[in-house]
Amino acid sequence: MSVATARTITLEGATGHLVDVQVDVAPGVVKTALVGRPDASITEARDRCRAAILNSRFDWPTTRRVTVLLSPADLPKRGSHFDLAIAVAVLVAGADPRKPPVVPADALEGVVLIGELTLDGRLRSVPGVLPMAMAAAARGARAVVVPEPQAAEAMLVPGLTVLGLRSLAQVVACLSGNEIPDAPPVALTGSGPVLTWRGEQRLADLDLADVHGMGDPRFALEVAAAGAHHLLLSGPKGAGKTTLAERLPGLLPDLTVEEALELAAIGSLAGSVLAPDAGLPFRPPFRAPHHSATRASVLGGGTGRVRPGEVSRAHRGALFLDEFPFFGADIIEALRQPLESGEITIARGEEVATFPAHTMVVLACNPCPCGDYHPADRDHRCTCTEVRRRDYRRKLSGPIVDRIDIVRNVEPVRPYELLDPTARPEPTAVVRARVARARDRQAVRYEGTPWRVNADVPGPVLRERWPLTDEGQRLVDARVLDGALTRRGGTRVHRLAWTVADLGGVDRPTARETEAALGLRTGEPLPAWVLDRPELAS
């Protein structure tokens, strides 16, 4: 057989495309030609595949012309994982018709091949196996062949047969139905951290019971967790902004299987290899990049293949941007898209990649660069001039703040609140139970729709299908008409009112819940009934 077709997957952002690797072996000038817009790593596959085939004791068509077409030809292809499909297609196309076929052509039907080859024919792990397997299943593939350490990752996709193998010789034997030869184990592409530290595990020991006072920001944190709302915390240094933000992950309920699969796929796109015994990540992520982070690391991009950034790696979790005004102006302005739409699009040359970013963004900032300015305290120790304070606050541009649902000022805890022997702050577990009940109410309300939480629902749909009471709507309309809220701000108040109602077990937001939502959105003092709740007493 002089023509053969094997299949693999190429990734364009978070989207996988099925690629036919067609190989033609014919008389002519001895040459191996790769066509179909391959990148440098695929172009180098000619030498890798030739050496892998010969060192695996198979025959390479050394006296004929080999043409490899990656179809569709107009789609850019990237990644060394094309090696395995190219090598297998060459073996099928270059088989001697007078001998039994090395791999029967019909054995490739419905099979997707993923893996990089070494010169001696061994397979190497590659990034992005999980989204590739998901794309293969979506396109009707019955089986996928991957490097052995990544079989557990691919097995997370339901309804797909996964073959985890170690070498080209094992792949050929498996496809041919022959006995699988021995091969050395495949090493993972990365090892564990060289240094040992607790990292995100330290957050597991943080509890809201350690936070005294702060009834106002504690309520804001609970509402943000219940409805997946964006949150801005402002206040002098040492007021407790980071203390609150780091306890937010503990309030979030576990991810569903679908959400955990999405998160694992994003991690795979970022280059993480899921450990064979790790399983799906069911706890929501919490990412906190430093303000010196680059645009590519926060939003996505990088050299070579476009990778998701921190805003996508925090998908269905929280992204904490401390000292937000110190981030680059280009990063601050580029956050408009993920804050509004829940996705981020990276356009670079001919490549356009879109990644999911349904992320709860928590911003923290001081009132001035030195952090010592206390607007209500005459004895503040701020050394900043008014011009510096104004330039610092200008970083929080109007369009960014308008996309933030909750704005709260955090005041330092008073000494008597810290030393009060009768204070019994609620622990994280109790608040998380209330958040979980509110999320359950939202799941029932939005069943059969593309939305999961209140923060996802578009404004027009919210007003049509889940309106406020007439009295509550009049409160919102009045603030929009007098210029205190934009139309976008009015929509965010509507969403917040539903979240406050869900936390209180109310079937429909009334003026009471809408009043609380207006306070959360505008940064104004909350109604007395909110702070008088027993659970906020400390």
Protein backbone atom coordinates (compact mmCIF):
# COMPACT_ATOMS: atom_id res chain seq x y z
CA MET A 1 0.00 0.00 0.00
CA SER A 2 1.59 3.31 -1.06
CA VAL A 3 -0.84 5.68 0.72
CA ALA A 4 -1.89 5.49 4.37
CA THR A 5 -3.70 7.75 6.83
CA ALA A 6 -3.23 8.00 10.58
CA ARG A 7 -4.95 10.51 12.83
CA THR A 8 -3.86 12.82 15.59
CA ILE A 9 -5.02 16.07 17.21
CA THR A 10 -3.72 19.62 17.03
CA LEU A 11 -4.65 22.21 19.62
CA GLU A 12 -5.64 25.79 18.87
CA GLY A 13 -5.99 27.33 22.31
CA ALA A 14 -8.53 25.18 24.14
CA THR A 15 -9.97 23.84 20.87
CA GLY A 16 -8.80 20.51 19.44
CA HIS A 17 -8.87 19.74 15.70
CA LEU A 18 -8.66 16.26 14.20
CA VAL A 19 -5.74 16.03 11.76
CA ASP A 20 -5.31 13.37 9.06
CA VAL A 21 -1.64 12.45 8.67
CA GLN A 22 -1.50 11.13 5.10
CA VAL A 23 1.69 9.51 3.86
CA ASP A 24 2.44 8.69 0.23
CA VAL A 25 5.44 6.51 -0.62
CA ALA A 26 6.18 6.57 -4.36
CA PRO A 27 9.07 6.33 -6.85
CA GLY A 28 10.95 9.58 -7.44
CA VAL A 29 13.72 11.68 -6.03
CA VAL A 30 14.60 10.26 -2.62
CA LYS A 31 13.28 12.83 -0.18
CA THR A 32 10.95 13.21 2.78
CA ALA A 33 8.60 16.18 2.33
CA LEU A 34 6.33 17.54 5.05
CA VAL A 35 3.46 19.75 3.89
CA GLY A 36 0.40 21.19 5.60
CA ARG A 37 1.78 24.14 7.62
CA PRO A 38 3.97 22.27 10.14
CA ASP A 39 5.98 24.18 12.73
CA ALA A 40 9.67 23.60 13.44
CA SER A 41 9.08 20.75 15.91
CA ILE A 42 7.00 18.87 13.31
CA THR A 43 9.51 19.55 10.53
CA GLU A 44 12.19 17.95 12.68
CA ALA A 45 9.96 14.86 12.97
CA ARG A 46 11.38 13.60 9.65
CA ASP A 47 14.69 12.80 11.32
CA ARG A 48 13.19 11.59 14.59
CA CYS A 49 10.74 9.24 12.89
CA ARG A 50 13.32 7.84 10.47
CA ALA A 51 15.76 7.03 13.31
CA ALA A 52 12.96 5.65 15.52
CA ILE A 53 11.70 3.33 12.77
CA LEU A 54 15.16 2.00 11.91
CA ASN A 55 16.20 1.55 15.55
CA SER A 56 12.92 -0.29 16.22
CA ARG A 57 14.00 -2.83 13.54
CA PHE A 58 11.46 -1.73 10.95
CA ASP A 59 12.14 -0.62 7.38
CA TRP A 60 12.24 3.00 6.22
CA PRO A 61 11.60 3.51 2.46
CA THR A 62 15.13 4.70 1.75
CA THR A 63 14.88 4.40 -2.05
CA ARG A 64 11.57 6.20 -2.56
CA ARG A 65 10.03 9.62 -2.09
CA VAL A 66 7.99 10.05 1.10
CA THR A 67 5.37 12.81 1.19
CA VAL A 68 3.62 13.59 4.47
CA LEU A 69 0.48 15.75 4.30
CA LEU A 70 -1.08 17.15 7.45
CA SER A 71 -4.72 17.76 6.57
CA PRO A 72 -6.52 20.16 6.69
CA ALA A 73 -3.61 21.90 5.05
CA ASP A 74 -4.66 25.46 5.95
CA LEU A 75 -4.65 24.82 9.71
CA PRO A 76 -1.37 25.62 11.54
CA LYS A 77 0.08 22.54 13.28
CA ARG A 78 2.29 22.65 16.36
CA GLY A 79 3.88 20.14 18.68
CA SER A 80 6.11 17.09 18.68
CA HIS A 81 3.16 14.77 19.40
CA PHE A 82 2.71 14.27 15.61
CA ASP A 83 5.71 11.88 15.63
CA LEU A 84 3.78 8.72 16.41
CA ALA A 85 1.09 9.25 13.74
CA ILE A 86 3.74 10.06 11.11
CA ALA A 87 5.84 7.00 11.93
CA VAL A 88 2.88 4.60 11.91
CA ALA A 89 1.54 6.04 8.65
CA VAL A 90 4.98 5.63 7.03
CA LEU A 91 5.13 1.99 8.14
CA VAL A 92 1.70 1.31 6.62
CA ALA A 93 2.31 3.21 3.37
CA GLY A 94 5.83 1.86 2.87
CA ALA A 95 5.00 -1.79 3.53
CA ASP A 96 6.24 -4.35 0.97
CA PRO A 97 3.10 -5.75 -0.76
CA ARG A 98 4.83 -9.16 -1.01
CA LYS A 99 5.05 -9.43 2.79
CA PRO A 100 2.44 -9.38 5.57
CA PRO A 101 1.68 -5.76 6.57
CA VAL A 102 3.49 -4.39 9.58
CA VAL A 103 0.25 -2.67 10.64
CA PRO A 104 -3.07 -3.51 8.94
CA ALA A 105 -4.55 -0.35 7.41
CA ASP A 106 -7.97 -1.02 8.93
CA ALA A 107 -6.38 -1.08 12.41
CA LEU A 108 -6.04 2.70 12.20
CA GLU A 109 -9.78 3.33 11.78
CA GLY A 110 -11.10 5.36 14.70
CA VAL A 111 -7.70 5.46 16.43
CA VAL A 112 -5.93 8.72 17.38
CA LEU A 113 -2.15 8.55 17.91
CA ILE A 114 -0.42 10.96 20.29
CA GLY A 115 3.22 10.87 21.32
CA GLU A 116 6.75 12.11 20.70
CA LEU A 117 9.42 9.60 19.59
CA THR A 118 13.02 9.41 20.66
CA LEU A 119 15.72 8.24 18.25
CA ASP A 120 15.67 4.72 19.69
CA GLY A 121 11.89 4.40 19.26
CA ARG A 122 10.73 5.11 22.79
CA LEU A 123 7.72 7.33 23.48
CA ARG A 124 7.95 10.56 25.45
CA SER A 125 5.22 12.42 27.30
CA VAL A 126 3.76 15.52 25.67
CA PRO A 127 1.67 18.42 27.05
CA GLY A 128 -2.04 18.71 26.36
CA VAL A 129 -3.00 15.02 26.35
CA LEU A 130 -6.28 15.53 28.23
CA PRO A 131 -7.74 18.20 25.88
CA MET A 132 -6.52 16.14 22.92
CA ALA A 133 -8.33 13.07 24.25
CA MET A 134 -11.46 15.16 24.84
CA ALA A 135 -11.29 16.44 21.25
CA ALA A 136 -10.75 12.91 19.93
CA ALA A 137 -13.82 11.63 21.79
CA ALA A 138 -15.88 14.56 20.52
CA ARG A 139 -14.91 13.67 16.93
CA GLY A 140 -16.01 10.06 17.31
CA ALA A 141 -12.68 8.31 17.92
CA ARG A 142 -12.99 4.89 19.52
CA ALA A 143 -9.44 4.71 20.93
CA VAL A 144 -6.45 6.90 21.63
CA VAL A 145 -2.80 5.83 21.95
CA VAL A 146 -0.72 7.90 24.39
CA PRO A 147 2.59 7.55 26.28
CA GLU A 148 2.13 5.22 29.24
CA PRO A 149 2.45 7.81 32.08
CA GLN A 150 -0.35 9.86 30.53
CA ALA A 151 -2.85 7.03 30.14
CA ALA A 152 -4.51 7.91 33.47
CA GLU A 153 -4.95 11.48 32.25
CA ALA A 154 -6.61 10.37 29.01
CA MET A 155 -8.79 7.86 30.89
CA LEU A 156 -10.59 10.76 32.53
CA VAL A 157 -12.52 11.15 29.27
CA PRO A 158 -15.57 8.86 29.40
CA GLY A 159 -16.37 6.47 26.55
CA LEU A 160 -12.83 6.38 25.13
CA THR A 161 -10.51 3.35 25.01
CA VAL A 162 -7.02 4.42 26.09
CA LEU A 163 -3.85 2.53 25.20
CA GLY A 164 -0.85 3.64 27.24
CA LEU A 165 2.31 2.31 25.60
CA ARG A 166 6.06 2.77 25.91
CA SER A 167 7.55 2.56 22.41
CA LEU A 168 6.87 2.48 18.69
CA ALA A 169 7.41 -1.29 18.68
CA GLN A 170 4.69 -1.70 21.33
CA VAL A 171 2.31 0.51 19.35
CA VAL A 172 2.87 -1.56 16.18
CA ALA A 173 2.38 -4.82 18.07
CA CYS A 174 -0.79 -3.57 19.76
CA LEU A 175 -2.33 -2.35 16.47
CA SER A 176 -1.36 -5.61 14.74
CA GLY A 177 -2.74 -7.82 17.49
CA ASN A 178 0.67 -9.35 18.22
CA GLU A 179 2.40 -9.97 21.52
CA ILE A 180 3.61 -6.69 23.01
CA PRO A 181 7.41 -6.64 23.50
CA ASP A 182 9.11 -5.32 26.60
CA ALA A 183 10.28 -1.71 26.69
CA PRO A 184 11.77 0.54 29.37
CA PRO A 185 9.29 2.73 31.25
CA VAL A 186 8.52 6.18 29.93
CA ALA A 187 9.69 9.00 32.17
CA LEU A 188 7.42 11.97 32.87
CA THR A 189 8.47 15.24 31.26
CA GLY A 190 8.85 16.94 34.65
CA SER A 191 9.82 15.93 38.14
CA GLY A 192 8.61 17.10 41.50
CA PRO A 193 9.81 20.43 42.89
CA VAL A 194 13.50 20.60 43.68
CA LEU A 195 12.75 22.54 46.83
CA THR A 196 10.07 21.50 49.32
CA TRP A 197 7.54 23.99 50.57
CA ARG A 198 3.87 23.86 51.40
CA GLY A 199 2.67 26.14 48.62
CA GLU A 200 -1.11 26.19 48.29
CA GLN A 201 -1.44 23.45 50.91
CA ARG A 202 -0.93 26.06 53.62
CA LEU A 203 -4.33 27.54 52.71
CA ALA A 204 -6.00 24.40 54.06
CA ASP A 205 -5.04 25.46 57.60
CA LEU A 206 -6.54 28.95 57.27
CA ASP A 207 -9.96 29.39 58.85
CA LEU A 208 -12.43 32.26 59.13
CA ALA A 209 -12.62 31.53 62.84
CA ASP A 210 -9.24 33.29 63.11
CA VAL A 211 -10.71 36.53 61.70
CA HIS A 212 -12.12 38.72 64.47
CA GLY A 213 -14.49 41.57 63.77
CA MET A 214 -14.81 42.66 60.11
CA GLY A 215 -18.51 41.82 59.85
CA ASP A 216 -18.88 43.94 56.72
CA PRO A 217 -16.06 42.37 54.63
CA ARG A 218 -16.87 38.89 55.96
CA PHE A 219 -20.39 39.22 54.58
CA ALA A 220 -18.97 40.51 51.27
CA LEU A 221 -16.65 37.49 51.10
CA GLU A 222 -19.57 35.11 51.71
CA VAL A 223 -21.69 36.74 48.99
CA ALA A 224 -18.76 36.66 46.55
CA ALA A 225 -18.25 32.94 47.17
CA ALA A 226 -21.96 32.12 46.89
CA GLY A 227 -22.48 33.84 43.52
CA ALA A 228 -18.91 33.76 42.09
CA HIS A 229 -18.80 37.57 42.09
CA HIS A 230 -15.68 39.69 41.53
CA LEU A 231 -14.51 41.49 44.66
CA LEU A 232 -12.41 44.61 45.35
CA LEU A 233 -10.96 45.07 48.84
CA SER A 234 -9.43 48.44 49.64
CA GLY A 235 -7.85 49.61 52.88
CA PRO A 236 -4.59 50.53 54.61
CA LYS A 237 -1.81 48.00 54.97
CA GLY A 238 -2.34 45.50 57.75
CA ALA A 239 -6.12 45.88 57.64
CA GLY A 240 -6.65 42.22 56.71
CA LYS A 241 -7.27 42.23 52.94
CA THR A 242 -4.91 39.32 52.25
CA THR A 243 -6.15 37.52 55.36
CA LEU A 244 -9.69 37.56 53.97
CA ALA A 245 -8.73 36.71 50.39
CA GLU A 246 -6.68 33.67 51.39
CA ARG A 247 -9.68 32.23 53.24
CA LEU A 248 -11.92 32.50 50.20
CA PRO A 249 -10.95 29.07 48.70
CA GLY A 250 -12.17 27.35 51.86
CA LEU A 251 -15.65 28.80 51.33
CA LEU A 252 -16.05 27.42 47.81
CA PRO A 253 -17.80 24.05 47.33
CA ASP A 254 -16.11 21.21 45.48
CA LEU A 255 -16.13 21.27 41.70
CA THR A 256 -18.45 19.04 39.72
CA VAL A 257 -16.94 16.32 37.54
CA GLU A 258 -17.46 18.49 34.46
CA GLU A 259 -15.77 21.50 36.09
CA ALA A 260 -12.88 19.38 37.37
CA LEU A 261 -12.36 17.99 33.86
CA GLU A 262 -12.27 21.54 32.45
CA LEU A 263 -9.69 22.57 35.06
CA ALA A 264 -7.53 19.50 34.41
CA ALA A 265 -7.63 20.21 30.67
CA ILE A 266 -6.44 23.78 31.24
CA GLY A 267 -3.60 22.50 33.41
CA SER A 268 -2.65 20.06 30.65
CA LEU A 269 -2.62 22.92 28.12
CA ALA A 270 -0.33 24.84 30.47
CA GLY A 271 2.15 21.96 30.40
CA SER A 272 1.27 20.18 33.64
CA VAL A 273 1.30 16.38 33.48
CA LEU A 274 -1.31 14.77 35.72
CA ALA A 275 0.30 12.17 37.99
CA PRO A 276 -1.03 8.64 37.37
CA ASP A 277 -2.50 8.43 40.89
CA ALA A 278 -3.60 12.08 41.19
CA GLY A 279 -7.18 11.93 39.87
CA LEU A 280 -9.27 14.95 39.01
CA PRO A 281 -8.74 18.23 40.93
CA PHE A 282 -12.05 18.67 42.73
CA ARG A 283 -11.00 21.62 44.91
CA PRO A 284 -11.37 25.06 43.27
CA PRO A 285 -7.99 26.60 42.41
CA PHE A 286 -6.56 29.70 44.05
CA ARG A 287 -3.91 31.58 42.10
CA ALA A 288 -2.07 34.65 43.43
CA PRO A 289 0.59 35.96 40.99
CA HIS A 290 2.97 38.68 42.14
CA HIS A 291 2.44 42.17 40.77
CA SER A 292 5.73 41.88 38.85
CA ALA A 293 4.27 39.01 36.73
CA THR A 294 4.33 39.48 32.97
CA ARG A 295 1.31 39.91 30.74
CA ALA A 296 1.82 36.45 29.21
CA SER A 297 1.93 34.75 32.62
CA VAL A 298 -1.23 36.45 33.88
CA LEU A 299 -3.35 36.50 30.71
CA GLY A 300 -1.75 33.78 28.55
CA GLY A 301 0.59 33.65 25.58
CA GLY A 302 4.33 33.04 25.64
CA THR A 303 6.80 32.04 22.96
CA GLY A 304 6.06 29.06 20.76
CA ARG A 305 2.73 27.47 21.61
CA VAL A 306 0.20 29.79 23.26
CA ARG A 307 -0.38 28.68 26.85
CA PRO A 308 -3.14 29.70 29.27
CA GLY A 309 -2.25 32.25 31.94
CA GLU A 310 -3.12 32.54 35.61
CA VAL A 311 -6.57 33.95 34.86
CA SER A 312 -7.43 30.69 33.07
CA ARG A 313 -5.62 28.40 35.49
CA ALA A 314 -7.90 29.82 38.20
CA HIS A 315 -10.97 28.73 36.16
CA ARG A 316 -13.94 27.99 38.47
CA GLY A 317 -11.83 29.20 41.39
CA ALA A 318 -10.31 32.49 42.52
CA LEU A 319 -7.56 34.75 41.17
CA PHE A 320 -6.12 37.05 43.83
CA LEU A 321 -4.30 40.15 42.55
CA ASP A 322 -2.74 41.79 45.59
CA GLU A 323 -1.36 45.33 45.24
CA PHE A 324 -3.42 45.55 42.06
CA PRO A 325 -2.37 49.10 41.04
CA PHE A 326 1.26 47.94 40.85
CA PHE A 327 0.45 45.50 38.03
CA GLY A 328 1.32 46.69 34.54
CA ALA A 329 -1.18 49.04 32.94
CA ASP A 330 -1.52 46.68 29.96
CA ILE A 331 -2.46 43.80 32.30
CA ILE A 332 -5.00 45.92 34.18
CA GLU A 333 -6.75 47.07 31.00
CA ALA A 334 -6.64 43.61 29.38
CA LEU A 335 -8.57 42.18 32.33
CA ARG A 336 -11.72 43.85 30.99
CA GLN A 337 -12.53 40.88 28.73
CA PRO A 338 -12.27 38.03 31.28
CA LEU A 339 -14.02 40.11 33.95
CA GLU A 340 -16.98 40.64 31.65
CA SER A 341 -17.22 37.54 29.44
CA GLY A 342 -15.49 34.75 31.37
CA GLU A 343 -12.99 34.00 28.61
CA ILE A 344 -9.72 35.40 27.31
CA THR A 345 -8.65 35.58 23.66
CA ILE A 346 -4.96 35.76 22.75
CA ALA A 347 -4.28 36.94 19.18
CA ARG A 348 -0.71 36.59 17.94
CA GLY A 349 0.14 36.74 14.25
CA GLU A 350 -1.91 34.09 12.50
CA GLU A 351 -2.73 32.30 15.75
CA VAL A 352 -5.84 33.12 17.78
CA ALA A 353 -6.39 31.12 20.97
CA THR A 354 -9.37 31.43 23.32
CA PHE A 355 -9.23 30.00 26.85
CA PRO A 356 -12.02 29.80 29.46
CA ALA A 357 -11.70 32.17 32.40
CA HIS A 358 -14.84 31.81 34.53
CA THR A 359 -12.76 33.04 37.42
CA MET A 360 -13.70 34.94 40.56
CA VAL A 361 -11.24 37.85 40.54
CA VAL A 362 -10.32 39.35 43.92
CA LEU A 363 -8.46 42.66 43.79
CA ALA A 364 -6.74 44.23 46.78
CA CYS A 365 -5.24 47.69 46.96
CA ASN A 366 -4.12 50.29 49.45
CA PRO A 367 -5.46 53.86 49.50
CA CYS A 368 -1.98 55.14 48.60
CA PRO A 369 1.44 53.77 47.50
CA CYS A 370 2.86 53.62 51.03
CA GLY A 371 -0.32 52.04 52.44
CA ASP A 372 -0.46 54.25 55.55
CA TYR A 373 -3.23 56.61 54.46
CA HIS A 374 -6.30 56.44 56.71
CA PRO A 375 -9.02 58.76 55.37
CA ALA A 376 -10.91 58.68 58.69
CA ASP A 377 -7.84 59.04 60.92
CA ARG A 378 -6.22 62.43 61.44
CA ASP A 379 -3.07 60.84 62.80
CA HIS A 380 -2.31 58.69 59.77
CA ARG A 381 1.39 58.31 58.92
CA CYS A 382 1.10 58.60 55.12
CA THR A 383 4.07 60.31 53.44
CA CYS A 384 2.54 60.37 49.94
CA THR A 385 1.59 63.61 48.31
CA GLU A 386 -1.95 64.08 47.06
CA VAL A 387 -0.63 63.89 43.49
CA ARG A 388 0.94 60.45 44.16
CA ARG A 389 -2.26 59.23 45.80
CA ARG A 390 -4.31 60.44 42.83
CA ASP A 391 -1.97 58.80 40.30
CA TYR A 392 -2.07 55.57 42.30
CA ARG A 393 -5.88 55.50 42.41
CA ARG A 394 -6.06 56.35 38.71
CA LYS A 395 -4.69 52.87 37.95
CA LEU A 396 -8.10 51.56 38.97
CA SER A 397 -9.73 52.83 35.79
CA GLY A 398 -13.48 53.32 35.60
CA PRO A 399 -14.11 50.46 33.12
CA ILE A 400 -12.29 48.01 35.42
CA VAL A 401 -14.09 49.05 38.60
CA ASP A 402 -17.40 49.01 36.72
CA ARG A 403 -16.84 45.30 36.06
CA ILE A 404 -16.30 44.51 39.75
CA ASP A 405 -19.43 43.31 41.54
CA ILE A 406 -18.51 44.02 45.16
CA VAL A 407 -16.47 46.97 46.45
CA ARG A 408 -15.61 47.06 50.16
CA ASN A 409 -13.29 49.13 52.33
CA VAL A 410 -11.48 47.13 55.01
CA GLU A 411 -10.68 48.94 58.24
CA PRO A 412 -8.10 47.64 60.73
CA VAL A 413 -9.57 45.58 63.55
CA ARG A 414 -9.93 47.56 66.77
CA PRO A 415 -7.98 46.29 69.81
CA TYR A 416 -11.16 45.65 71.79
CA GLU A 417 -12.40 43.33 69.00
CA LEU A 418 -9.21 41.28 69.16
CA LEU A 419 -9.30 40.97 72.94
CA ASP A 420 -13.04 40.38 73.35
CA PRO A 421 -13.32 37.06 75.29
CA THR A 422 -16.92 36.58 74.16
CA ALA A 423 -16.11 36.74 70.43
CA ARG A 424 -16.99 33.55 68.56
CA PRO A 425 -16.27 34.13 64.85
CA GLU A 426 -17.89 31.60 62.54
CA PRO A 427 -15.53 28.90 61.22
CA THR A 428 -15.04 28.29 57.54
CA ALA A 429 -17.02 25.03 57.57
CA VAL A 430 -20.21 26.75 58.74
CA VAL A 431 -19.99 29.51 56.14
CA ARG A 432 -19.14 26.99 53.41
CA ALA A 433 -22.32 25.07 54.22
CA ARG A 434 -24.39 28.22 53.64
CA VAL A 435 -22.50 28.92 50.41
CA ALA A 436 -23.15 25.35 49.25
CA ARG A 437 -26.89 25.70 49.93
CA ALA A 438 -26.94 28.96 47.95
CA ARG A 439 -25.11 27.27 45.06
CA ASP A 440 -27.64 24.42 45.16
CA ARG A 441 -30.49 26.91 44.80
CA GLN A 442 -28.75 28.43 41.77
CA ALA A 443 -28.18 24.99 40.24
CA VAL A 444 -31.91 24.26 40.47
CA ARG A 445 -32.89 27.68 39.11
CA TYR A 446 -30.53 27.51 36.12
CA GLU A 447 -31.05 23.84 35.29
CA GLY A 448 -31.25 23.38 31.53
CA THR A 449 -29.44 26.67 30.82
CA PRO A 450 -25.75 27.32 30.01
CA TRP A 451 -25.29 29.13 33.35
CA ARG A 452 -24.29 27.74 36.74
CA VAL A 453 -24.06 30.70 39.13
CA ASN A 454 -25.63 34.14 39.39
CA ALA A 455 -22.51 35.90 38.08
CA ASP A 456 -22.85 34.05 34.74
CA VAL A 457 -26.39 35.13 33.79
CA PRO A 458 -26.65 37.92 31.16
CA GLY A 459 -28.54 41.04 32.20
CA PRO A 460 -31.38 40.88 29.61
CA VAL A 461 -32.13 37.25 30.49
CA LEU A 462 -32.01 38.06 34.19
CA ARG A 463 -34.52 40.88 33.84
CA GLU A 464 -36.84 38.80 31.67
CA ARG A 465 -36.86 35.46 33.47
CA TRP A 466 -35.77 36.29 37.04
CA PRO A 467 -36.79 39.90 37.72
CA LEU A 468 -36.62 41.76 41.00
CA THR A 469 -39.78 42.82 42.79
CA ASP A 470 -41.21 46.14 41.62
CA GLU A 471 -39.96 47.90 44.72
CA GLY A 472 -36.48 46.47 44.37
CA GLN A 473 -36.33 47.36 40.66
CA ARG A 474 -37.33 50.95 41.48
CA LEU A 475 -34.36 51.20 43.86
CA VAL A 476 -31.97 50.10 41.13
CA ASP A 477 -33.54 52.29 38.44
CA ALA A 478 -33.33 55.35 40.67
CA ARG A 479 -29.57 54.85 41.17
CA VAL A 480 -29.06 54.37 37.44
CA LEU A 481 -31.06 57.49 36.55
CA ASP A 482 -29.18 59.71 39.00
CA GLY A 483 -25.83 58.52 37.60
CA ALA A 484 -24.66 56.61 40.68
CA LEU A 485 -24.74 53.35 38.65
CA THR A 486 -24.17 52.52 35.02
CA ARG A 487 -26.46 50.08 33.24
CA ARG A 488 -23.75 47.44 33.72
CA GLY A 489 -23.63 48.32 37.41
CA GLY A 490 -27.41 47.92 37.63
CA THR A 491 -27.12 44.41 36.19
CA ARG A 492 -24.48 43.53 38.76
CA VAL A 493 -26.72 44.77 41.57
CA HIS A 494 -29.49 42.53 40.16
CA ARG A 495 -27.15 39.50 40.30
CA LEU A 496 -26.00 40.38 43.81
CA ALA A 497 -29.59 40.68 45.00
CA TRP A 498 -30.27 37.14 43.84
CA THR A 499 -27.16 35.90 45.68
CA VAL A 500 -28.20 37.65 48.90
CA ALA A 501 -31.63 36.07 48.48
CA ASP A 502 -30.10 32.63 47.91
CA LEU A 503 -28.04 32.94 51.10
CA GLY A 504 -31.16 33.92 53.03
CA GLY A 505 -33.37 31.24 51.47
CA VAL A 506 -35.66 33.84 49.87
CA ASP A 507 -37.49 32.79 46.69
CA ARG A 508 -37.25 36.21 45.02
CA PRO A 509 -35.18 39.29 45.92
CA THR A 510 -37.21 42.00 47.63
CA ALA A 511 -36.29 45.61 48.40
CA ARG A 512 -34.45 44.31 51.49
CA GLU A 513 -32.04 42.13 49.46
CA THR A 514 -31.73 44.79 46.76
CA GLU A 515 -30.73 47.37 49.35
CA ALA A 516 -27.96 45.07 50.58
CA ALA A 517 -26.84 44.46 46.99
CA LEU A 518 -26.66 48.22 46.33
CA GLY A 519 -24.46 48.66 49.39
CA LEU A 520 -22.14 45.86 48.26
CA ARG A 521 -21.88 47.26 44.73
CA THR A 522 -21.31 50.92 45.57
CA GLY A 523 -19.08 50.48 48.63
CA GLU A 524 -21.61 52.27 50.82
CA PRO A 525 -22.41 51.07 54.39
CA LEU A 526 -24.53 47.95 54.47
CA PRO A 527 -28.05 47.95 55.92
CA ALA A 528 -28.26 47.42 59.66
CA TRP A 529 -30.07 44.06 59.27
CA VAL A 530 -27.02 42.59 57.50
CA LEU A 531 -24.55 43.42 60.24
CA ASP A 532 -27.02 42.47 62.96
CA ARG A 533 -27.17 38.87 61.78
CA PRO A 534 -26.05 36.51 64.58
CA GLU A 535 -23.47 34.79 62.39
CA LEU A 536 -21.61 38.10 61.89
CA ALA A 537 -21.50 38.94 65.56
CA SER A 538 -18.01 38.60 66.98
